[in-house]
Amino acid sequence: MATEAIERPARLRPVTRLGAHVLAVLQILGEVTRLFFATVRLVPAAIVDRGRVTAQMVRVGTDTLWIGGLLSLFVGMVLVVQAAEQVRNVSQDVLGPIVGLSMTKELGPVMMAFLLAGRAGSAMAAELGSMTVYDEINALRTMDIDPVRFLVMPRFVAATLTLPVLIVYADFIGVWGGAAVVAVDPAITIPVRSYFDRMLEWVKFTDFVVGIAKGLVFGMIASIVPCTFGLRTSGGTEGIATSTTAAVVWSFILILVFDFVIVRVTFAL
């Protein structure tokens, strides 16, 4: 009997850990959802606080242009090289549609969302985490300033509005990167004109709409998740580092989850 009393907790330990992880995940999702609705209610105040929103748009958008352009350029070039190798025995006329559809519907939105979450999102989590650890958030509340309106809402609006623009920019650069490879690579036999003609036959306006819709959703995720982790930070500098890492990881996961949901919905319509 004594042996059973000792062994039973040991057998339950993995289940206990699993339950603790599930509860932690649900708690984080609950906090993200609560902050999301609290922020959405304050979005009309962005007109009054447009100065802070504009400053965040510059940080999120303008400062991301060069790395986003470089990334998109090489992704478009790699797409053409890879696809040309796969279809060399069929027809290279499909290179334009492959690059166009890939960039507008999938690679452009996800790539820019990851870049936004990893670059601007980590900065949001670190900034708000530092303010939480050093009691600056409590100081704002003491002065009767709503931290959600003052800190979260401008970042949320800036990311949501900026990411669709970055996606269109990435699509443009990626398509022209592919065209550059078509023009100079001797292994590709189709002319650049055929590359664009075939692309325009396949890529429709609705494909751009899907990419922009993804950008709106991903922009919300890439801002609200880091802000949530920033506001729940504790434990000094180590806690700030932990929250920043967790914010980026959670943003990536939720972006992929919602990407699947959006794709599934668009194909079901």
C-alpha atoms as a PDB file:
ATOM      1  CA  MET A   1       0.000   0.000   0.000  1.00  0.00           C
ATOM      2  CA  ALA A   2       2.791   2.390   0.833  1.00  0.00           C
ATOM      3  CA  THR A   3       4.456   1.595  -2.491  1.00  0.00           C
ATOM      4  CA  GLU A   4       1.233   2.356  -4.396  1.00  0.00           C
ATOM      5  CA  ALA A   5       0.881   5.662  -2.556  1.00  0.00           C
ATOM      6  CA  ILE A   6       4.364   6.625  -3.672  1.00  0.00           C
ATOM      7  CA  GLU A   7       3.998   5.444  -7.283  1.00  0.00           C
ATOM      8  CA  ARG A   8       0.596   7.000  -7.991  1.00  0.00           C
ATOM      9  CA  PRO A   9       1.784  10.645  -7.916  1.00  0.00           C
ATOM     10  CA  ALA A  10       4.729   9.670 -10.124  1.00  0.00           C
ATOM     11  CA  ARG A  11       2.335   8.251 -12.718  1.00  0.00           C
ATOM     12  CA  LEU A  12       0.180  11.361 -12.574  1.00  0.00           C
ATOM     13  CA  ARG A  13       3.093  13.745 -12.935  1.00  0.00           C
ATOM     14  CA  PRO A  14       3.115  13.808 -16.796  1.00  0.00           C
ATOM     15  CA  VAL A  15      -0.643  14.382 -16.814  1.00  0.00           C
ATOM     16  CA  THR A  16      -0.225  17.182 -14.286  1.00  0.00           C
ATOM     17  CA  ARG A  17       2.430  18.850 -16.418  1.00  0.00           C
ATOM     18  CA  LEU A  18       0.258  18.505 -19.519  1.00  0.00           C
ATOM     19  CA  GLY A  19      -2.683  20.045 -17.697  1.00  0.00           C
ATOM     20  CA  ALA A  20      -0.515  22.915 -16.473  1.00  0.00           C
ATOM     21  CA  HIS A  21       0.675  23.601 -20.037  1.00  0.00           C
ATOM     22  CA  VAL A  22      -2.885  23.526 -21.372  1.00  0.00           C
ATOM     23  CA  LEU A  23      -4.026  25.959 -18.694  1.00  0.00           C
ATOM     24  CA  ALA A  24      -1.080  28.258 -19.439  1.00  0.00           C
ATOM     25  CA  VAL A  25      -1.932  28.253 -23.155  1.00  0.00           C
ATOM     26  CA  LEU A  26      -5.590  28.986 -22.457  1.00  0.00           C
ATOM     27  CA  GLN A  27      -4.634  31.799 -20.091  1.00  0.00           C
ATOM     28  CA  ILE A  28      -2.398  33.422 -22.728  1.00  0.00           C
ATOM     29  CA  LEU A  29      -5.088  33.101 -25.403  1.00  0.00           C
ATOM     30  CA  GLY A  30      -7.603  34.607 -22.994  1.00  0.00           C
ATOM     31  CA  GLU A  31      -5.336  37.561 -22.250  1.00  0.00           C
ATOM     32  CA  VAL A  32      -4.666  38.112 -25.960  1.00  0.00           C
ATOM     33  CA  THR A  33      -8.404  38.038 -26.712  1.00  0.00           C
ATOM     34  CA  ARG A  34      -9.255  40.397 -23.854  1.00  0.00           C
ATOM     35  CA  LEU A  35      -6.586  42.905 -24.893  1.00  0.00           C
ATOM     36  CA  PHE A  36      -7.703  42.636 -28.524  1.00  0.00           C
ATOM     37  CA  PHE A  37     -11.296  43.630 -27.743  1.00  0.00           C
ATOM     38  CA  ALA A  38     -10.170  46.342 -25.340  1.00  0.00           C
ATOM     39  CA  THR A  39      -7.945  47.773 -28.090  1.00  0.00           C
ATOM     40  CA  VAL A  40     -10.574  47.526 -30.826  1.00  0.00           C
ATOM     41  CA  ARG A  41     -12.969  49.583 -28.698  1.00  0.00           C
ATOM     42  CA  LEU A  42     -10.339  52.326 -28.573  1.00  0.00           C
ATOM     43  CA  VAL A  43      -9.547  52.355 -32.314  1.00  0.00           C
ATOM     44  CA  PRO A  44     -11.787  55.430 -32.965  1.00  0.00           C
ATOM     45  CA  ALA A  45      -9.450  57.362 -30.656  1.00  0.00           C
ATOM     46  CA  ALA A  46      -6.691  56.896 -33.261  1.00  0.00           C
ATOM     47  CA  ILE A  47      -7.961  60.044 -34.957  1.00  0.00           C
ATOM     48  CA  VAL A  48      -7.179  62.057 -31.838  1.00  0.00           C
ATOM     49  CA  ASP A  49      -3.936  60.184 -31.172  1.00  0.00           C
ATOM     50  CA  ARG A  50      -2.838  60.238 -34.806  1.00  0.00           C
ATOM     51  CA  GLY A  51       0.587  61.587 -33.871  1.00  0.00           C
ATOM     52  CA  ARG A  52       1.488  58.443 -31.920  1.00  0.00           C
ATOM     53  CA  VAL A  53      -0.099  56.250 -34.596  1.00  0.00           C
ATOM     54  CA  THR A  54       1.953  57.945 -37.324  1.00  0.00           C
ATOM     55  CA  ALA A  55       5.153  57.538 -35.316  1.00  0.00           C
ATOM     56  CA  GLN A  56       4.459  53.825 -34.934  1.00  0.00           C
ATOM     57  CA  MET A  57       3.659  53.478 -38.640  1.00  0.00           C
ATOM     58  CA  VAL A  58       7.062  54.925 -39.457  1.00  0.00           C
ATOM     59  CA  ARG A  59       8.747  52.455 -37.103  1.00  0.00           C
ATOM     60  CA  VAL A  60       6.724  49.490 -38.323  1.00  0.00           C
ATOM     61  CA  GLY A  61       6.562  50.317 -42.027  1.00  0.00           C
ATOM     62  CA  THR A  62       9.215  52.702 -43.266  1.00  0.00           C
ATOM     63  CA  ASP A  63      12.033  51.132 -41.289  1.00  0.00           C
ATOM     64  CA  THR A  64      11.067  47.698 -42.657  1.00  0.00           C
ATOM     65  CA  LEU A  65      11.090  48.645 -46.346  1.00  0.00           C
ATOM     66  CA  TRP A  66      14.721  47.895 -47.131  1.00  0.00           C
ATOM     67  CA  ILE A  67      14.912  44.476 -45.477  1.00  0.00           C
ATOM     68  CA  GLY A  68      11.448  43.567 -46.791  1.00  0.00           C
ATOM     69  CA  GLY A  69      12.458  44.555 -50.301  1.00  0.00           C
ATOM     70  CA  LEU A  70      15.705  42.599 -50.130  1.00  0.00           C
ATOM     71  CA  LEU A  71      13.939  39.523 -48.787  1.00  0.00           C
ATOM     72  CA  SER A  72      11.183  39.680 -51.408  1.00  0.00           C
ATOM     73  CA  LEU A  73      13.669  40.214 -54.230  1.00  0.00           C
ATOM     74  CA  PHE A  74      15.613  37.052 -53.468  1.00  0.00           C
ATOM     75  CA  VAL A  75      12.491  35.009 -52.753  1.00  0.00           C
ATOM     76  CA  GLY A  76      11.138  35.907 -56.208  1.00  0.00           C
ATOM     77  CA  MET A  77      14.470  35.041 -57.790  1.00  0.00           C
ATOM     78  CA  VAL A  78      14.707  31.710 -55.986  1.00  0.00           C
ATOM     79  CA  LEU A  79      11.131  30.847 -56.956  1.00  0.00           C
ATOM     80  CA  VAL A  80      11.940  31.245 -60.639  1.00  0.00           C
ATOM     81  CA  VAL A  81      15.152  29.210 -60.407  1.00  0.00           C
ATOM     82  CA  GLN A  82      13.478  26.388 -58.465  1.00  0.00           C
ATOM     83  CA  ALA A  83      10.366  26.295 -60.643  1.00  0.00           C
ATOM     84  CA  ALA A  84      12.374  26.414 -63.880  1.00  0.00           C
ATOM     85  CA  GLU A  85      14.300  23.333 -62.767  1.00  0.00           C
ATOM     86  CA  GLN A  86      11.102  21.438 -61.969  1.00  0.00           C
ATOM     87  CA  VAL A  87       9.296  22.265 -65.240  1.00  0.00           C
ATOM     88  CA  ARG A  88      12.263  22.135 -67.606  1.00  0.00           C
ATOM     89  CA  ASN A  89      10.791  19.070 -69.353  1.00  0.00           C
ATOM     90  CA  VAL A  90       7.263  20.507 -69.525  1.00  0.00           C
ATOM     91  CA  SER A  91       6.870  24.236 -70.211  1.00  0.00           C
ATOM     92  CA  GLN A  92       8.451  27.272 -68.627  1.00  0.00           C
ATOM     93  CA  ASP A  93       5.395  29.374 -69.464  1.00  0.00           C
ATOM     94  CA  VAL A  94       4.075  28.562 -65.976  1.00  0.00           C
ATOM     95  CA  LEU A  95       6.873  30.500 -64.275  1.00  0.00           C
ATOM     96  CA  GLY A  96       4.904  33.744 -64.299  1.00  0.00           C
ATOM     97  CA  PRO A  97       1.760  32.254 -62.726  1.00  0.00           C
ATOM     98  CA  ILE A  98       3.819  30.353 -60.137  1.00  0.00           C
ATOM     99  CA  VAL A  99       5.634  33.466 -58.956  1.00  0.00           C
ATOM    100  CA  GLY A 100       2.561  35.705 -59.136  1.00  0.00           C
ATOM    101  CA  LEU A 101       0.219  33.410 -57.238  1.00  0.00           C
ATOM    102  CA  SER A 102       2.846  32.398 -54.693  1.00  0.00           C
ATOM    103  CA  MET A 103       3.775  35.976 -53.862  1.00  0.00           C
ATOM    104  CA  THR A 104       0.273  37.470 -53.785  1.00  0.00           C
ATOM    105  CA  LYS A 105      -1.593  34.721 -51.937  1.00  0.00           C
ATOM    106  CA  GLU A 106       0.947  33.066 -49.650  1.00  0.00           C
ATOM    107  CA  LEU A 107       4.609  33.995 -49.566  1.00  0.00           C
ATOM    108  CA  GLY A 108       4.136  37.757 -49.581  1.00  0.00           C
ATOM    109  CA  PRO A 109       1.663  37.892 -46.663  1.00  0.00           C
ATOM    110  CA  VAL A 110       3.353  35.255 -44.490  1.00  0.00           C
ATOM    111  CA  MET A 111       6.867  36.493 -45.180  1.00  0.00           C
ATOM    112  CA  MET A 112       6.042  40.116 -44.344  1.00  0.00           C
ATOM    113  CA  ALA A 113       4.033  39.062 -41.293  1.00  0.00           C
ATOM    114  CA  PHE A 114       6.969  37.058 -39.957  1.00  0.00           C
ATOM    115  CA  LEU A 115       9.277  39.986 -40.633  1.00  0.00           C
ATOM    116  CA  LEU A 116       6.927  42.378 -38.848  1.00  0.00           C
ATOM    117  CA  ALA A 117       6.479  40.057 -35.876  1.00  0.00           C
ATOM    118  CA  GLY A 118      10.194  39.325 -35.583  1.00  0.00           C
ATOM    119  CA  ARG A 119      11.365  42.895 -36.008  1.00  0.00           C
ATOM    120  CA  ALA A 120       8.670  45.307 -34.810  1.00  0.00           C
ATOM    121  CA  GLY A 121       6.794  42.798 -32.633  1.00  0.00           C
ATOM    122  CA  SER A 122       9.870  41.909 -30.595  1.00  0.00           C
ATOM    123  CA  ALA A 123      10.539  45.620 -30.079  1.00  0.00           C
ATOM    124  CA  MET A 124       6.952  46.123 -28.877  1.00  0.00           C
ATOM    125  CA  ALA A 125       7.240  43.269 -26.391  1.00  0.00           C
ATOM    126  CA  ALA A 126      10.599  44.508 -25.103  1.00  0.00           C
ATOM    127  CA  GLU A 127       9.429  48.122 -24.733  1.00  0.00           C
ATOM    128  CA  LEU A 128       6.205  47.292 -22.930  1.00  0.00           C
ATOM    129  CA  GLY A 129       7.958  44.605 -20.903  1.00  0.00           C
ATOM    130  CA  SER A 130      10.531  47.120 -19.679  1.00  0.00           C
ATOM    131  CA  MET A 131       7.796  49.576 -18.778  1.00  0.00           C
ATOM    132  CA  THR A 132       5.923  46.865 -16.875  1.00  0.00           C
ATOM    133  CA  VAL A 133       8.957  45.648 -14.945  1.00  0.00           C
ATOM    134  CA  TYR A 134      10.031  49.159 -13.976  1.00  0.00           C
ATOM    135  CA  ASP A 135       6.486  50.168 -12.911  1.00  0.00           C
ATOM    136  CA  GLU A 136       6.014  52.723 -15.670  1.00  0.00           C
ATOM    137  CA  ILE A 137       2.673  51.130 -16.555  1.00  0.00           C
ATOM    138  CA  ASN A 138       1.508  51.617 -12.970  1.00  0.00           C
ATOM    139  CA  ALA A 139       2.739  55.197 -13.146  1.00  0.00           C
ATOM    140  CA  LEU A 140       0.533  55.794 -16.187  1.00  0.00           C
ATOM    141  CA  ARG A 141      -2.475  54.413 -14.326  1.00  0.00           C
ATOM    142  CA  THR A 142      -1.645  56.651 -11.369  1.00  0.00           C
ATOM    143  CA  MET A 143      -1.777  59.661 -13.701  1.00  0.00           C
ATOM    144  CA  ASP A 144      -5.166  58.415 -14.983  1.00  0.00           C
ATOM    145  CA  ILE A 145      -3.720  57.495 -18.406  1.00  0.00           C
ATOM    146  CA  ASP A 146      -5.063  54.314 -19.968  1.00  0.00           C
ATOM    147  CA  PRO A 147      -2.043  52.160 -20.972  1.00  0.00           C
ATOM    148  CA  VAL A 148      -4.089  50.389 -23.633  1.00  0.00           C
ATOM    149  CA  ARG A 149      -4.975  53.640 -25.372  1.00  0.00           C
ATOM    150  CA  PHE A 150      -1.587  55.257 -24.828  1.00  0.00           C
ATOM    151  CA  LEU A 151       0.647  52.289 -25.706  1.00  0.00           C
ATOM    152  CA  VAL A 152      -1.230  49.398 -27.318  1.00  0.00           C
ATOM    153  CA  MET A 153      -3.765  51.087 -29.607  1.00  0.00           C
ATOM    154  CA  PRO A 154      -1.230  53.118 -31.676  1.00  0.00           C
ATOM    155  CA  ARG A 155       0.903  50.014 -32.247  1.00  0.00           C
ATOM    156  CA  PHE A 156      -2.155  47.931 -33.119  1.00  0.00           C
ATOM    157  CA  VAL A 157      -3.518  50.433 -35.641  1.00  0.00           C
ATOM    158  CA  ALA A 158      -0.074  51.059 -37.159  1.00  0.00           C
ATOM    159  CA  ALA A 159       0.665  47.366 -37.716  1.00  0.00           C
ATOM    160  CA  THR A 160      -2.823  46.626 -39.048  1.00  0.00           C
ATOM    161  CA  LEU A 161      -2.675  49.442 -41.601  1.00  0.00           C
ATOM    162  CA  THR A 162       0.969  49.045 -42.550  1.00  0.00           C
ATOM    163  CA  LEU A 163       1.246  45.316 -43.172  1.00  0.00           C
ATOM    164  CA  PRO A 164      -1.133  45.211 -46.199  1.00  0.00           C
ATOM    165  CA  VAL A 165       0.942  47.978 -47.812  1.00  0.00           C
ATOM    166  CA  LEU A 166       4.136  46.045 -47.103  1.00  0.00           C
ATOM    167  CA  ILE A 167       2.576  42.959 -48.684  1.00  0.00           C
ATOM    168  CA  VAL A 168       1.755  44.800 -51.929  1.00  0.00           C
ATOM    169  CA  TYR A 169       5.292  46.191 -51.905  1.00  0.00           C
ATOM    170  CA  ALA A 170       6.731  42.693 -51.373  1.00  0.00           C
ATOM    171  CA  ASP A 171       4.587  41.273 -54.185  1.00  0.00           C
ATOM    172  CA  PHE A 172       5.868  43.928 -56.591  1.00  0.00           C
ATOM    173  CA  ILE A 173       9.528  43.417 -55.676  1.00  0.00           C
ATOM    174  CA  GLY A 174       9.235  39.619 -55.728  1.00  0.00           C
ATOM    175  CA  VAL A 175       7.609  39.574 -59.173  1.00  0.00           C
ATOM    176  CA  TRP A 176      10.296  41.839 -60.615  1.00  0.00           C
ATOM    177  CA  GLY A 177      13.010  39.753 -58.951  1.00  0.00           C
ATOM    178  CA  GLY A 178      11.653  36.754 -60.824  1.00  0.00           C
ATOM    179  CA  ALA A 179      11.551  38.783 -64.047  1.00  0.00           C
ATOM    180  CA  ALA A 180      15.219  39.711 -63.597  1.00  0.00           C
ATOM    181  CA  VAL A 181      16.175  36.030 -63.407  1.00  0.00           C
ATOM    182  CA  VAL A 182      14.054  35.249 -66.480  1.00  0.00           C
ATOM    183  CA  ALA A 183      15.897  37.993 -68.356  1.00  0.00           C
ATOM    184  CA  VAL A 184      19.473  36.963 -67.487  1.00  0.00           C
ATOM    185  CA  ASP A 185      19.421  33.212 -66.750  1.00  0.00           C
ATOM    186  CA  PRO A 186      20.425  31.233 -69.865  1.00  0.00           C
ATOM    187  CA  ALA A 187      18.621  28.143 -68.555  1.00  0.00           C
ATOM    188  CA  ILE A 188      15.273  29.940 -68.902  1.00  0.00           C
ATOM    189  CA  THR A 189      14.102  30.129 -72.491  1.00  0.00           C
ATOM    190  CA  ILE A 190      10.920  32.206 -72.245  1.00  0.00           C
ATOM    191  CA  PRO A 191      11.054  35.990 -72.804  1.00  0.00           C
ATOM    192  CA  VAL A 192      10.193  38.423 -70.008  1.00  0.00           C
ATOM    193  CA  ARG A 193       7.095  39.536 -71.922  1.00  0.00           C
ATOM    194  CA  SER A 194       5.738  35.986 -71.891  1.00  0.00           C
ATOM    195  CA  TYR A 195       6.521  35.783 -68.149  1.00  0.00           C
ATOM    196  CA  PHE A 196       4.281  38.791 -67.444  1.00  0.00           C
ATOM    197  CA  ASP A 197       1.589  37.886 -69.993  1.00  0.00           C
ATOM    198  CA  ARG A 198       1.061  34.444 -68.511  1.00  0.00           C
ATOM    199  CA  MET A 199       1.131  35.881 -65.003  1.00  0.00           C
ATOM    200  CA  LEU A 200      -1.619  38.377 -65.823  1.00  0.00           C
ATOM    201  CA  GLU A 201      -3.738  35.553 -67.249  1.00  0.00           C
ATOM    202  CA  TRP A 202      -3.661  33.672 -63.947  1.00  0.00           C
ATOM    203  CA  VAL A 203      -3.326  36.277 -61.209  1.00  0.00           C
ATOM    204  CA  LYS A 204      -6.666  37.963 -60.575  1.00  0.00           C
ATOM    205  CA  PHE A 205      -7.675  40.931 -58.448  1.00  0.00           C
ATOM    206  CA  THR A 206      -9.209  38.544 -55.904  1.00  0.00           C
ATOM    207  CA  ASP A 207      -5.744  37.091 -55.288  1.00  0.00           C
ATOM    208  CA  PHE A 208      -4.541  40.533 -54.196  1.00  0.00           C
ATOM    209  CA  VAL A 209      -7.646  40.879 -52.019  1.00  0.00           C
ATOM    210  CA  VAL A 210      -6.847  37.598 -50.253  1.00  0.00           C
ATOM    211  CA  GLY A 211      -3.288  38.774 -49.605  1.00  0.00           C
ATOM    212  CA  ILE A 212      -4.480  42.120 -48.235  1.00  0.00           C
ATOM    213  CA  ALA A 213      -7.075  40.407 -46.038  1.00  0.00           C
ATOM    214  CA  LYS A 214      -4.326  38.212 -44.640  1.00  0.00           C
ATOM    215  CA  GLY A 215      -2.262  41.342 -44.045  1.00  0.00           C
ATOM    216  CA  LEU A 216      -5.001  42.926 -41.936  1.00  0.00           C
ATOM    217  CA  VAL A 217      -5.379  39.811 -39.786  1.00  0.00           C
ATOM    218  CA  PHE A 218      -1.637  39.166 -39.501  1.00  0.00           C
ATOM    219  CA  GLY A 219      -1.014  42.804 -38.612  1.00  0.00           C
ATOM    220  CA  MET A 220      -3.440  42.520 -35.714  1.00  0.00           C
ATOM    221  CA  ILE A 221      -1.745  39.343 -34.514  1.00  0.00           C
ATOM    222  CA  ALA A 222       1.802  40.684 -34.899  1.00  0.00           C
ATOM    223  CA  SER A 223       0.939  43.677 -32.694  1.00  0.00           C
ATOM    224  CA  ILE A 224      -1.571  42.468 -30.113  1.00  0.00           C
ATOM    225  CA  VAL A 225       0.376  39.329 -29.151  1.00  0.00           C
ATOM    226  CA  PRO A 226       3.663  41.172 -28.418  1.00  0.00           C
ATOM    227  CA  CYS A 227       1.764  43.856 -26.499  1.00  0.00           C
ATOM    228  CA  THR A 228       0.065  41.161 -24.417  1.00  0.00           C
ATOM    229  CA  PHE A 229       3.358  39.536 -23.513  1.00  0.00           C
ATOM    230  CA  GLY A 230       4.880  42.912 -22.789  1.00  0.00           C
ATOM    231  CA  LEU A 231       2.125  43.821 -20.343  1.00  0.00           C
ATOM    232  CA  ARG A 232       2.337  40.458 -18.560  1.00  0.00           C
ATOM    233  CA  THR A 233       6.129  40.581 -18.128  1.00  0.00           C
ATOM    234  CA  SER A 234       7.624  39.951 -14.700  1.00  0.00           C
ATOM    235  CA  GLY A 235      10.982  38.974 -13.246  1.00  0.00           C
ATOM    236  CA  GLY A 236      13.346  41.769 -14.244  1.00  0.00           C
ATOM    237  CA  THR A 237      15.618  41.711 -17.284  1.00  0.00           C
ATOM    238  CA  GLU A 238      15.402  37.940 -17.608  1.00  0.00           C
ATOM    239  CA  GLY A 239      11.627  38.212 -17.717  1.00  0.00           C
ATOM    240  CA  ILE A 240      11.852  40.821 -20.477  1.00  0.00           C
ATOM    241  CA  ALA A 241      13.998  38.497 -22.597  1.00  0.00           C
ATOM    242  CA  THR A 242      11.637  35.586 -21.959  1.00  0.00           C
ATOM    243  CA  SER A 243       8.551  37.628 -22.859  1.00  0.00           C
ATOM    244  CA  THR A 244      10.155  38.939 -26.041  1.00  0.00           C
ATOM    245  CA  THR A 245      11.056  35.455 -27.230  1.00  0.00           C
ATOM    246  CA  ALA A 246       7.646  34.059 -26.325  1.00  0.00           C
ATOM    247  CA  ALA A 247       5.901  36.951 -28.104  1.00  0.00           C
ATOM    248  CA  VAL A 248       7.702  36.223 -31.386  1.00  0.00           C
ATOM    249  CA  VAL A 249       7.098  32.470 -31.151  1.00  0.00           C
ATOM    250  CA  TRP A 250       3.410  32.891 -30.348  1.00  0.00           C
ATOM    251  CA  SER A 251       3.019  35.430 -33.144  1.00  0.00           C
ATOM    252  CA  PHE A 252       4.522  33.003 -35.663  1.00  0.00           C
ATOM    253  CA  ILE A 253       2.270  30.176 -34.502  1.00  0.00           C
ATOM    254  CA  LEU A 254      -0.926  32.239 -34.591  1.00  0.00           C
ATOM    255  CA  ILE A 255      -0.031  33.701 -37.990  1.00  0.00           C
ATOM    256  CA  LEU A 256       0.291  30.178 -39.414  1.00  0.00           C
ATOM    257  CA  VAL A 257      -2.935  29.038 -37.740  1.00  0.00           C
ATOM    258  CA  PHE A 258      -4.922  31.982 -39.101  1.00  0.00           C
ATOM    259  CA  ASP A 259      -3.237  31.571 -42.486  1.00  0.00           C
ATOM    260  CA  PHE A 260      -4.650  28.068 -42.689  1.00  0.00           C
ATOM    261  CA  VAL A 261      -8.081  29.271 -41.566  1.00  0.00           C
ATOM    262  CA  ILE A 262      -8.183  32.057 -44.173  1.00  0.00           C
ATOM    263  CA  VAL A 263      -7.027  29.724 -46.960  1.00  0.00           C
ATOM    264  CA  ARG A 264      -9.612  27.126 -45.949  1.00  0.00           C
ATOM    265  CA  VAL A 265     -12.385  29.732 -45.910  1.00  0.00           C
ATOM    266  CA  THR A 266     -11.414  31.216 -49.291  1.00  0.00           C
ATOM    267  CA  PHE A 267     -11.389  27.782 -50.931  1.00  0.00           C
ATOM    268  CA  ALA A 268     -14.750  26.957 -49.360  1.00  0.00           C
ATOM    269  CA  LEU A 269     -16.410  30.091 -50.802  1.00  0.00           C
END
